[in-house]
């Protein structure tokens, strides 16, 4: 016990203990919950749970929550961002195709640029044998 008091008595050690067990867990957890979508109830739940965890266990508990958030929280955000980006590209490409069609540089206005006319019917007729 005397060694603990002597360690905490020095200012640098005291500041380190305050940072590691006081400030850092709350700060890091608030950064971690940003990986979850805004409407996810786990954001508020994790911050509330932090203060139920004993102070000595908080740094390790926050590290465990980082692991969970990276796999459960970040995945939906990344996939949503990819989906949004893909939709924006499709919309821009479609808008450019419509603009070309209106200017007369592309296919006939109103027609889809990838649709081609069906081929002319062939004079060859297949007759099946039963």
N, C-alpha and C. Protein backbone atom coordinates (compact mmCIF):
# COMPACT_ATOMS: atom_id res chain seq x y z
N UNK A 1 0.82 -1.19 0.00
CA UNK A 1 0.00 0.00 0.00
C UNK A 1 0.87 1.25 0.00
N UNK A 2 1.96 1.21 0.73
CA UNK A 2 2.87 2.35 0.80
C UNK A 2 3.49 2.62 -0.57
N UNK A 3 3.78 1.55 -1.32
CA UNK A 3 4.37 1.71 -2.65
C UNK A 3 3.36 2.38 -3.59
N UNK A 4 2.09 2.00 -3.46
CA UNK A 4 1.05 2.61 -4.28
C UNK A 4 0.93 4.10 -3.99
N UNK A 5 0.92 4.45 -2.71
CA UNK A 5 0.83 5.87 -2.33
C UNK A 5 2.05 6.65 -2.81
N UNK A 6 3.21 6.00 -2.73
CA UNK A 6 4.43 6.68 -3.18
C UNK A 6 4.41 6.88 -4.70
N UNK A 7 3.87 5.89 -5.44
CA UNK A 7 3.80 6.01 -6.89
C UNK A 7 2.84 7.11 -7.30
N UNK A 8 1.69 7.18 -6.63
CA UNK A 8 0.68 8.18 -6.97
C UNK A 8 1.11 9.58 -6.50
N UNK A 9 2.02 9.64 -5.56
CA UNK A 9 2.46 10.93 -5.03
C UNK A 9 3.25 11.73 -6.06
N UNK A 10 3.89 11.07 -7.02
CA UNK A 10 4.63 11.82 -8.04
C UNK A 10 3.63 12.34 -9.09
N UNK A 11 3.80 13.58 -9.52
CA UNK A 11 2.87 14.23 -10.43
C UNK A 11 2.73 13.54 -11.78
N UNK A 12 3.82 13.15 -12.42
CA UNK A 12 3.65 12.49 -13.72
C UNK A 12 2.85 11.19 -13.62
N UNK A 13 3.10 10.43 -12.57
CA UNK A 13 2.36 9.18 -12.39
C UNK A 13 0.89 9.46 -12.11
N UNK A 14 0.63 10.47 -11.32
CA UNK A 14 -0.75 10.82 -11.00
C UNK A 14 -1.50 11.25 -12.27
N UNK A 15 -0.87 12.04 -13.09
CA UNK A 15 -1.50 12.47 -14.34
C UNK A 15 -1.73 11.29 -15.28
N UNK A 16 -0.80 10.34 -15.31
CA UNK A 16 -0.96 9.16 -16.15
C UNK A 16 -2.14 8.32 -15.66
N UNK A 17 -2.25 8.13 -14.36
CA UNK A 17 -3.36 7.35 -13.80
C UNK A 17 -4.69 8.04 -14.09
N UNK A 18 -4.74 9.35 -13.95
CA UNK A 18 -5.98 10.08 -14.24
C UNK A 18 -6.34 9.95 -15.72
N UNK A 19 -5.33 10.03 -16.58
CA UNK A 19 -5.61 9.91 -18.01
C UNK A 19 -6.07 8.51 -18.39
N UNK A 20 -5.38 7.49 -17.89
CA UNK A 20 -5.70 6.12 -18.28
C UNK A 20 -7.01 5.63 -17.70
N UNK A 21 -7.29 5.96 -16.45
CA UNK A 21 -8.49 5.44 -15.81
C UNK A 21 -9.64 6.44 -15.75
N UNK A 22 -9.37 7.70 -16.01
CA UNK A 22 -10.43 8.70 -15.93
C UNK A 22 -10.88 9.20 -17.29
N UNK A 23 -9.96 9.81 -18.02
CA UNK A 23 -10.31 10.47 -19.28
C UNK A 23 -10.36 9.52 -20.47
N UNK A 24 -9.36 8.72 -20.66
CA UNK A 24 -9.22 7.90 -21.87
C UNK A 24 -10.37 6.94 -22.14
N UNK A 25 -10.87 6.20 -21.14
CA UNK A 25 -11.97 5.27 -21.48
C UNK A 25 -13.21 5.96 -22.04
N UNK A 26 -13.63 7.05 -21.43
CA UNK A 26 -14.81 7.76 -21.93
C UNK A 26 -14.57 8.37 -23.29
N UNK A 27 -13.42 8.98 -23.47
CA UNK A 27 -13.08 9.61 -24.75
C UNK A 27 -13.01 8.57 -25.87
N UNK A 28 -12.31 7.48 -25.61
CA UNK A 28 -12.18 6.43 -26.63
C UNK A 28 -13.52 5.78 -26.94
N UNK A 29 -14.33 5.55 -25.91
CA UNK A 29 -15.63 4.92 -26.15
C UNK A 29 -16.52 5.82 -26.99
N UNK A 30 -16.46 7.12 -26.78
CA UNK A 30 -17.27 8.02 -27.60
C UNK A 30 -16.80 8.02 -29.05
N UNK A 31 -15.52 7.84 -29.27
CA UNK A 31 -15.03 7.69 -30.65
C UNK A 31 -15.47 6.35 -31.24
N UNK A 32 -15.48 5.32 -30.41
CA UNK A 32 -15.86 3.98 -30.87
C UNK A 32 -17.33 3.96 -31.27
N UNK A 33 -18.20 4.58 -30.50
CA UNK A 33 -19.63 4.52 -30.82
C UNK A 33 -19.96 5.27 -32.11
N UNK A 34 -19.04 6.09 -32.58
CA UNK A 34 -19.26 6.77 -33.86
C UNK A 34 -19.23 5.79 -35.03
N UNK A 35 -18.70 4.58 -34.81
CA UNK A 35 -18.69 3.59 -35.89
C UNK A 35 -20.08 3.01 -36.12
N UNK A 36 -20.96 3.09 -35.13
CA UNK A 36 -22.33 2.59 -35.29
C UNK A 36 -23.17 3.64 -36.01
N UNK A 37 -24.18 3.21 -36.76
CA UNK A 37 -25.07 4.19 -37.41
C UNK A 37 -25.75 5.09 -36.38
N UNK A 38 -26.16 6.27 -36.79
CA UNK A 38 -26.74 7.26 -35.86
C UNK A 38 -27.97 6.76 -35.12
N UNK A 39 -28.78 5.97 -35.77
CA UNK A 39 -30.02 5.54 -35.13
C UNK A 39 -29.86 4.23 -34.35
N UNK A 40 -28.66 3.71 -34.24
CA UNK A 40 -28.43 2.46 -33.53
C UNK A 40 -28.52 2.69 -32.02
N UNK A 41 -29.33 1.91 -31.30
CA UNK A 41 -29.47 2.11 -29.85
C UNK A 41 -28.22 1.75 -29.07
N UNK A 42 -27.29 1.03 -29.67
CA UNK A 42 -26.06 0.66 -28.96
C UNK A 42 -25.20 1.87 -28.65
N UNK A 43 -25.37 2.95 -29.39
CA UNK A 43 -24.57 4.16 -29.12
C UNK A 43 -24.80 4.67 -27.70
N UNK A 44 -26.07 4.84 -27.35
CA UNK A 44 -26.39 5.33 -26.00
C UNK A 44 -26.15 4.25 -24.95
N UNK A 45 -26.41 3.01 -25.33
CA UNK A 45 -26.28 1.90 -24.39
C UNK A 45 -24.83 1.73 -23.94
N UNK A 46 -23.88 1.81 -24.86
CA UNK A 46 -22.48 1.61 -24.51
C UNK A 46 -21.96 2.72 -23.60
N UNK A 47 -22.34 3.95 -23.88
CA UNK A 47 -21.89 5.05 -23.02
C UNK A 47 -22.47 4.88 -21.62
N UNK A 48 -23.72 4.45 -21.52
CA UNK A 48 -24.33 4.24 -20.21
C UNK A 48 -23.67 3.07 -19.48
N UNK A 49 -23.31 2.02 -20.21
CA UNK A 49 -22.67 0.86 -19.60
C UNK A 49 -21.28 1.18 -19.07
N UNK A 50 -20.61 2.13 -19.68
CA UNK A 50 -19.25 2.48 -19.26
C UNK A 50 -19.21 2.82 -17.78
N UNK A 51 -20.18 3.55 -17.31
CA UNK A 51 -20.15 4.00 -15.92
C UNK A 51 -20.63 2.93 -14.95
N UNK A 52 -21.13 1.79 -15.48
CA UNK A 52 -21.48 0.66 -14.63
C UNK A 52 -20.29 -0.28 -14.43
N UNK A 53 -19.29 -0.16 -15.30
CA UNK A 53 -18.10 -1.00 -15.21
C UNK A 53 -17.18 -0.40 -14.14
N UNK A 54 -16.60 -1.24 -13.27
CA UNK A 54 -15.65 -0.71 -12.27
C UNK A 54 -14.50 0.03 -12.94
N UNK A 55 -14.08 1.11 -12.33
CA UNK A 55 -13.07 2.00 -12.91
C UNK A 55 -11.79 1.28 -13.30
N UNK A 56 -11.37 0.32 -12.51
CA UNK A 56 -10.12 -0.39 -12.78
C UNK A 56 -10.22 -1.25 -14.04
N UNK A 57 -11.43 -1.69 -14.40
CA UNK A 57 -11.63 -2.56 -15.56
C UNK A 57 -12.01 -1.78 -16.83
N UNK A 58 -12.23 -0.51 -16.73
CA UNK A 58 -12.71 0.28 -17.86
C UNK A 58 -11.79 0.27 -19.08
N UNK A 59 -10.46 0.45 -18.92
CA UNK A 59 -9.63 0.45 -20.13
C UNK A 59 -9.73 -0.86 -20.93
N UNK A 60 -9.72 -1.99 -20.25
CA UNK A 60 -9.84 -3.27 -20.93
C UNK A 60 -11.23 -3.44 -21.54
N UNK A 61 -12.27 -3.01 -20.84
CA UNK A 61 -13.64 -3.11 -21.34
C UNK A 61 -13.80 -2.28 -22.61
N UNK A 62 -13.23 -1.09 -22.62
CA UNK A 62 -13.31 -0.23 -23.81
C UNK A 62 -12.58 -0.88 -24.98
N UNK A 63 -11.44 -1.52 -24.72
CA UNK A 63 -10.72 -2.21 -25.79
C UNK A 63 -11.56 -3.34 -26.37
N UNK A 64 -12.30 -4.04 -25.52
CA UNK A 64 -13.18 -5.11 -26.00
C UNK A 64 -14.31 -4.53 -26.86
N UNK A 65 -14.82 -3.39 -26.48
CA UNK A 65 -15.89 -2.76 -27.26
C UNK A 65 -15.38 -2.29 -28.61
N UNK A 66 -14.11 -1.92 -28.68
CA UNK A 66 -13.52 -1.54 -29.96
C UNK A 66 -13.56 -2.71 -30.93
N UNK A 67 -13.22 -3.88 -30.45
CA UNK A 67 -13.24 -5.08 -31.29
C UNK A 67 -14.65 -5.35 -31.80
N UNK A 68 -15.63 -5.24 -30.94
CA UNK A 68 -17.03 -5.48 -31.34
C UNK A 68 -17.48 -4.43 -32.35
N UNK A 69 -17.15 -3.18 -32.09
CA UNK A 69 -17.60 -2.09 -32.96
C UNK A 69 -16.98 -2.18 -34.35
N UNK A 70 -15.75 -2.64 -34.44
CA UNK A 70 -15.11 -2.74 -35.75
C UNK A 70 -15.82 -3.75 -36.64
N UNK A 71 -16.33 -4.82 -36.05
CA UNK A 71 -16.97 -5.85 -36.86
C UNK A 71 -18.47 -5.68 -36.98
N UNK A 72 -19.13 -5.14 -35.97
CA UNK A 72 -20.58 -5.01 -36.02
C UNK A 72 -21.05 -3.60 -36.38
N UNK A 73 -20.27 -2.60 -36.07
CA UNK A 73 -20.69 -1.23 -36.33
C UNK A 73 -20.14 -0.66 -37.61
N UNK A 74 -18.90 -0.99 -37.90
CA UNK A 74 -18.26 -0.40 -39.07
C UNK A 74 -18.73 -1.04 -40.38
N UNK A 75 -19.06 -2.31 -40.34
CA UNK A 75 -19.49 -3.00 -41.55
C UNK A 75 -20.73 -2.38 -42.17
N UNK A 76 -21.82 -2.12 -41.41
CA UNK A 76 -22.98 -1.48 -42.04
C UNK A 76 -22.69 -0.08 -42.57
N UNK A 77 -21.84 0.67 -41.86
CA UNK A 77 -21.52 2.02 -42.33
C UNK A 77 -20.74 1.99 -43.63
N UNK A 78 -19.78 1.09 -43.72
CA UNK A 78 -18.97 0.99 -44.94
C UNK A 78 -19.82 0.52 -46.10
N UNK A 79 -20.66 -0.50 -45.87
CA UNK A 79 -21.50 -1.00 -46.96
C UNK A 79 -22.51 0.07 -47.41
N UNK A 80 -23.03 0.86 -46.47
CA UNK A 80 -23.96 1.94 -46.83
C UNK A 80 -23.24 3.01 -47.66
N UNK A 81 -22.00 3.32 -47.29
CA UNK A 81 -21.23 4.31 -48.04
C UNK A 81 -20.93 3.81 -49.45
N UNK A 82 -20.59 2.54 -49.57
CA UNK A 82 -20.32 1.96 -50.90
C UNK A 82 -21.60 1.98 -51.74
N UNK A 83 -22.72 1.61 -51.14
CA UNK A 83 -24.00 1.60 -51.85
C UNK A 83 -24.37 3.01 -52.31
N UNK A 84 -24.17 4.01 -51.43
CA UNK A 84 -24.47 5.40 -51.78
C UNK A 84 -23.60 5.87 -52.94
N UNK A 85 -22.33 5.54 -52.88
CA UNK A 85 -21.39 5.94 -53.93
C UNK A 85 -21.75 5.29 -55.26
N UNK A 86 -22.13 4.01 -55.24
CA UNK A 86 -22.52 3.30 -56.44
C UNK A 86 -23.78 3.92 -57.05
N UNK A 87 -24.74 4.25 -56.21
CA UNK A 87 -25.97 4.87 -56.71
C UNK A 87 -25.71 6.24 -57.32
N UNK A 88 -24.79 7.01 -56.73
CA UNK A 88 -24.44 8.31 -57.28
C UNK A 88 -23.81 8.15 -58.66
N UNK A 89 -22.93 7.17 -58.81
CA UNK A 89 -22.29 6.95 -60.11
C UNK A 89 -23.32 6.55 -61.16
N UNK A 90 -24.25 5.67 -60.77
CA UNK A 90 -25.29 5.25 -61.71
C UNK A 90 -26.15 6.44 -62.13
N UNK A 91 -26.49 7.28 -61.18
CA UNK A 91 -27.33 8.44 -61.48
C UNK A 91 -26.59 9.39 -62.42
N UNK A 92 -25.31 9.64 -62.15
CA UNK A 92 -24.53 10.53 -63.02
C UNK A 92 -24.41 9.96 -64.42
N UNK A 93 -24.15 8.65 -64.52
CA UNK A 93 -24.02 8.03 -65.83
C UNK A 93 -25.34 8.11 -66.59
N UNK A 94 -26.42 7.84 -65.91
CA UNK A 94 -27.74 7.90 -66.54
C UNK A 94 -28.04 9.33 -67.00
N UNK A 95 -27.72 10.32 -66.17
CA UNK A 95 -27.95 11.72 -66.54
C UNK A 95 -27.13 12.11 -67.77
N UNK A 96 -25.89 11.62 -67.85
CA UNK A 96 -25.06 11.92 -69.02
C UNK A 96 -25.65 11.29 -70.28
N UNK A 97 -26.15 10.06 -70.15
CA UNK A 97 -26.74 9.39 -71.31
C UNK A 97 -27.99 10.13 -71.78
N UNK A 98 -28.81 10.58 -70.86
CA UNK A 98 -30.01 11.34 -71.23
C UNK A 98 -29.62 12.65 -71.90
N UNK A 99 -28.60 13.31 -71.37
CA UNK A 99 -28.16 14.58 -71.96
C UNK A 99 -27.64 14.36 -73.38
N UNK A 100 -26.88 13.30 -73.61
CA UNK A 100 -26.39 13.00 -74.95
C UNK A 100 -27.55 12.73 -75.90
N UNK A 101 -28.54 11.98 -75.41
CA UNK A 101 -29.69 11.65 -76.25
C UNK A 101 -30.47 12.91 -76.63
N UNK A 102 -30.59 13.84 -75.72
CA UNK A 102 -31.32 15.09 -76.00
C UNK A 102 -30.56 15.97 -76.98
N UNK A 103 -29.24 15.90 -76.96
CA UNK A 103 -28.44 16.72 -77.86
C UNK A 103 -28.34 16.10 -79.25
N UNK A 104 -28.74 14.86 -79.36
CA UNK A 104 -28.68 14.20 -80.66
C UNK A 104 -27.39 13.46 -80.90
N UNK A 105 -26.50 13.44 -79.92
CA UNK A 105 -25.23 12.75 -80.08
C UNK A 105 -25.37 11.25 -79.83
N UNK A 106 -26.37 10.88 -79.11
CA UNK A 106 -26.52 9.48 -78.72
C UNK A 106 -27.70 8.85 -79.41
N UNK A 107 -28.25 7.82 -78.79
CA UNK A 107 -29.41 7.15 -79.38
C UNK A 107 -30.63 8.04 -79.39
N UNK A 108 -31.68 7.56 -79.99
CA UNK A 108 -32.92 8.32 -80.11
C UNK A 108 -33.41 8.71 -78.72
N UNK A 109 -33.91 9.94 -78.61
CA UNK A 109 -34.39 10.42 -77.32
C UNK A 109 -35.51 9.52 -76.81
N UNK A 110 -35.41 9.18 -75.55
CA UNK A 110 -36.43 8.34 -74.93
C UNK A 110 -36.09 6.87 -74.97
N UNK A 111 -35.20 6.46 -75.87
CA UNK A 111 -34.82 5.06 -75.94
C UNK A 111 -33.66 4.80 -75.00
N UNK A 112 -33.64 3.63 -74.44
CA UNK A 112 -32.53 3.27 -73.56
C UNK A 112 -31.30 3.03 -74.42
N UNK A 113 -30.14 3.55 -74.05
CA UNK A 113 -28.96 3.45 -74.91
C UNK A 113 -28.46 2.04 -75.15
N UNK A 114 -28.75 1.09 -74.28
CA UNK A 114 -28.24 -0.26 -74.43
C UNK A 114 -29.21 -1.16 -75.21
N UNK A 115 -30.41 -0.72 -75.46
CA UNK A 115 -31.41 -1.53 -76.15
C UNK A 115 -31.19 -1.40 -77.65
N UNK A 116 -31.11 -2.52 -78.33
CA UNK A 116 -30.95 -2.49 -79.79
C UNK A 116 -32.22 -3.04 -80.41
N UNK A 117 -32.39 -2.76 -81.67
CA UNK A 117 -33.56 -3.25 -82.39
C UNK A 117 -33.43 -4.76 -82.56
N UNK A 118 -34.56 -5.48 -82.54
CA UNK A 118 -34.48 -6.92 -82.76
C UNK A 118 -34.05 -7.22 -84.19
N UNK A 119 -33.37 -8.33 -84.42
CA UNK A 119 -32.92 -8.65 -85.78
C UNK A 119 -34.11 -8.99 -86.68
N UNK A 120 -33.91 -8.81 -87.96
CA UNK A 120 -34.94 -9.14 -88.94
C UNK A 120 -35.17 -10.65 -88.90
N UNK A 121 -36.42 -11.07 -89.10
CA UNK A 121 -36.68 -12.52 -89.09
C UNK A 121 -35.95 -13.22 -90.24
N UNK A 122 -35.48 -14.40 -89.96
CA UNK A 122 -34.72 -15.18 -90.94
C UNK A 122 -35.70 -15.95 -91.83
N UNK A 123 -35.38 -16.09 -93.11
CA UNK A 123 -36.26 -16.85 -94.00
C UNK A 123 -36.19 -18.36 -93.74
N UNK A 124 -35.18 -18.83 -93.03
CA UNK A 124 -35.03 -20.24 -92.74
C UNK A 124 -36.00 -20.60 -91.63
N UNK A 125 -36.77 -21.64 -91.84
CA UNK A 125 -37.76 -22.08 -90.86
C UNK A 125 -37.39 -23.48 -90.39
N UNK A 126 -37.39 -23.69 -89.10
CA UNK A 126 -37.07 -24.99 -88.54
C UNK A 126 -38.35 -25.80 -88.40
N UNK A 127 -38.33 -26.97 -88.93
CA UNK A 127 -39.48 -27.85 -88.77
C UNK A 127 -39.06 -29.01 -87.89
N UNK A 128 -39.84 -29.27 -86.89
CA UNK A 128 -39.52 -30.33 -85.96
C UNK A 128 -40.10 -31.65 -86.42
N UNK A 129 -39.44 -32.71 -86.06
CA UNK A 129 -39.89 -34.05 -86.40
C UNK A 129 -40.35 -34.72 -85.12
N UNK A 130 -41.55 -35.25 -85.15
CA UNK A 130 -42.08 -35.95 -84.00
C UNK A 130 -41.86 -37.42 -84.08
